[in-house]
């Protein structure tokens, strides 16, 4: 990874969007667990901001989900900062939002890696847990 790009922040959510006015909307952000039965499919989003310290104002942004039972899903895009300088001193930024769905194959820990130009920049974790069943009082 070049020294010209850094991950400012990243978070998990149920849904996310980059808005036209240059802001992020994230629903149910920064969760630590997903309660869903085996066999369900759950929505998940990864959102964040990348800063470019100098030209070139582009980087490959990858997101990799590692689920229990060894399933891995990966996404990659080329992010380019096309706006005028955001921070001064030649710095620019790009917001990103990835929405997908994950199958619940088993309970356990899930890892989400955010990569910049192939280098792990952040790892976010959460657990998949079956819903709590409340037994009726006898």
Protein backbone atom coordinates (compact mmCIF):
# COMPACT_ATOMS: atom_id res chain seq x y z
CA UNK A 1 0.00 0.00 0.00
CA UNK A 2 1.34 3.40 -0.90
CA UNK A 3 1.88 5.93 1.83
CA UNK A 4 -0.62 8.21 0.08
CA UNK A 5 -3.79 6.42 1.28
CA UNK A 6 -5.21 5.57 4.71
CA UNK A 7 -8.46 4.26 6.14
CA UNK A 8 -9.96 7.03 8.27
CA UNK A 9 -12.74 4.82 9.67
CA UNK A 10 -14.92 1.80 8.86
CA UNK A 11 -18.00 0.36 10.53
CA UNK A 12 -20.55 -2.39 10.11
CA UNK A 13 -24.25 -1.72 9.74
CA UNK A 14 -27.45 -3.31 8.57
CA UNK A 15 -27.61 -0.92 5.59
CA UNK A 16 -25.54 2.03 4.34
CA UNK A 17 -25.53 4.64 1.60
CA UNK A 18 -23.24 7.41 0.38
CA UNK A 19 -25.48 10.46 -0.01
CA UNK A 20 -25.25 12.96 -2.85
CA UNK A 21 -24.31 15.75 -0.42
CA UNK A 22 -21.15 13.89 0.63
CA UNK A 23 -22.34 12.23 3.85
CA UNK A 24 -22.96 8.64 4.95
CA UNK A 25 -26.22 7.17 6.19
CA UNK A 26 -25.80 3.95 8.21
CA UNK A 27 -28.69 2.02 9.76
CA UNK A 28 -27.94 0.03 12.96
CA UNK A 29 -24.23 0.82 12.82
CA UNK A 30 -21.42 -0.62 14.93
CA UNK A 31 -23.16 -3.82 16.00
CA UNK A 32 -21.31 -6.70 17.68
CA UNK A 33 -23.76 -9.55 17.13
CA UNK A 34 -26.36 -10.76 14.67
CA UNK A 35 -29.23 -12.84 16.05
CA UNK A 36 -30.58 -15.03 13.27
CA UNK A 37 -31.57 -18.68 12.88
CA UNK A 38 -29.44 -21.13 10.91
CA UNK A 39 -30.53 -20.98 7.28
CA UNK A 40 -31.45 -17.29 7.35
CA UNK A 41 -29.89 -14.64 5.13
CA UNK A 42 -29.05 -11.38 6.87
CA UNK A 43 -28.34 -7.94 5.40
CA UNK A 44 -24.98 -6.38 6.21
CA UNK A 45 -23.20 -3.20 5.19
CA UNK A 46 -19.63 -1.96 5.51
CA UNK A 47 -19.12 1.78 5.27
CA UNK A 48 -16.29 4.20 5.86
CA UNK A 49 -13.97 6.90 4.67
CA UNK A 50 -10.60 6.70 2.92
CA UNK A 51 -8.17 9.62 2.93
CA UNK A 52 -5.66 10.33 0.21
CA UNK A 53 -2.69 12.37 1.37
CA UNK A 54 -1.42 13.11 -2.16
CA UNK A 55 -1.81 11.99 -5.77
CA UNK A 56 -2.77 9.54 -7.14
CA UNK A 57 -6.22 9.93 -5.60
CA UNK A 58 -7.27 6.32 -6.14
CA UNK A 59 -6.94 2.96 -4.42
CA UNK A 60 -8.32 -0.56 -4.64
CA UNK A 61 -10.73 -1.03 -1.74
CA UNK A 62 -11.46 -4.62 -0.79
CA UNK A 63 -13.91 -6.04 1.73
CA UNK A 64 -13.62 -9.68 2.77
CA UNK A 65 -16.13 -11.52 4.96
CA UNK A 66 -14.88 -14.64 6.79
CA UNK A 67 -17.86 -16.60 8.10
CA UNK A 68 -18.01 -19.64 10.38
CA UNK A 69 -17.41 -22.95 8.56
CA UNK A 70 -14.76 -21.34 6.38
CA UNK A 71 -16.95 -19.49 3.87
CA UNK A 72 -15.27 -16.35 2.48
CA UNK A 73 -16.91 -13.65 0.38
CA UNK A 74 -14.83 -10.88 -1.20
CA UNK A 75 -15.60 -7.62 -2.98
CA UNK A 76 -13.22 -5.11 -4.55
CA UNK A 77 -13.67 -1.72 -6.21
CA UNK A 78 -11.40 1.04 -7.45
CA UNK A 79 -12.15 4.16 -5.40
CA UNK A 80 -11.21 7.50 -6.93
CA UNK A 81 -11.44 10.88 -5.19
CA UNK A 82 -12.76 13.20 -7.88
CA UNK A 83 -13.88 16.07 -5.62
CA UNK A 84 -11.85 19.20 -5.14
CA UNK A 85 -9.45 19.10 -2.21
CA UNK A 86 -11.36 18.26 0.96
CA UNK A 87 -8.83 18.81 3.75
CA UNK A 88 -6.37 21.31 2.35
CA UNK A 89 -2.69 20.51 1.69
CA UNK A 90 -3.68 18.42 -1.35
CA UNK A 91 -5.70 15.88 0.66
CA UNK A 92 -8.93 14.31 -0.58
CA UNK A 93 -11.33 11.68 0.68
CA UNK A 94 -13.78 9.07 -0.59
CA UNK A 95 -16.76 7.64 1.29
CA UNK A 96 -17.76 4.05 0.59
CA UNK A 97 -20.73 1.83 1.37
CA UNK A 98 -21.08 -1.85 0.49
CA UNK A 99 -24.41 -3.61 0.99
CA UNK A 100 -24.74 -7.37 0.70
CA UNK A 101 -26.37 -10.35 2.40
CA UNK A 102 -24.71 -13.11 4.38
CA UNK A 103 -26.00 -16.65 4.82
CA UNK A 104 -26.21 -17.87 8.42
CA UNK A 105 -24.62 -21.32 8.17
CA UNK A 106 -23.66 -21.76 11.81
CA UNK A 107 -23.19 -19.77 14.97
CA UNK A 108 -19.75 -18.28 15.55
CA UNK A 109 -17.38 -15.39 15.01
CA UNK A 110 -17.31 -13.48 11.73
CA UNK A 111 -14.42 -11.30 10.59
CA UNK A 112 -14.68 -8.46 8.09
CA UNK A 113 -11.43 -7.21 6.61
CA UNK A 114 -11.13 -3.85 4.86
CA UNK A 115 -8.16 -3.75 2.50
CA UNK A 116 -6.47 -0.81 0.76
CA UNK A 117 -4.41 -1.81 -2.27
CA UNK A 118 -4.34 -5.40 -1.01
CA UNK A 119 -3.13 -4.57 2.52
CA UNK A 120 -5.38 -5.16 5.55
CA UNK A 121 -6.28 -1.73 6.95
CA UNK A 122 -8.96 -2.72 9.51
CA UNK A 123 -10.58 -5.86 10.85
CA UNK A 124 -14.12 -5.69 12.23
CA UNK A 125 -15.65 -8.64 14.08
CA UNK A 126 -19.11 -9.74 15.13
CA UNK A 127 -20.76 -12.96 16.24
CA UNK A 128 -23.59 -14.87 14.61
CA UNK A 129 -25.88 -16.15 17.33
CA UNK A 130 -29.16 -18.06 17.18
CA UNK A 131 -32.14 -16.12 18.50
CA UNK A 132 -32.85 -16.46 22.20
CA UNK A 133 -35.96 -18.56 22.74
CA UNK A 134 -38.02 -17.58 25.75
CA UNK A 135 -39.69 -20.61 27.25
CA UNK A 136 -43.25 -19.98 28.45
CA UNK A 137 -43.69 -20.22 32.21
CA UNK A 138 -45.21 -23.56 33.18
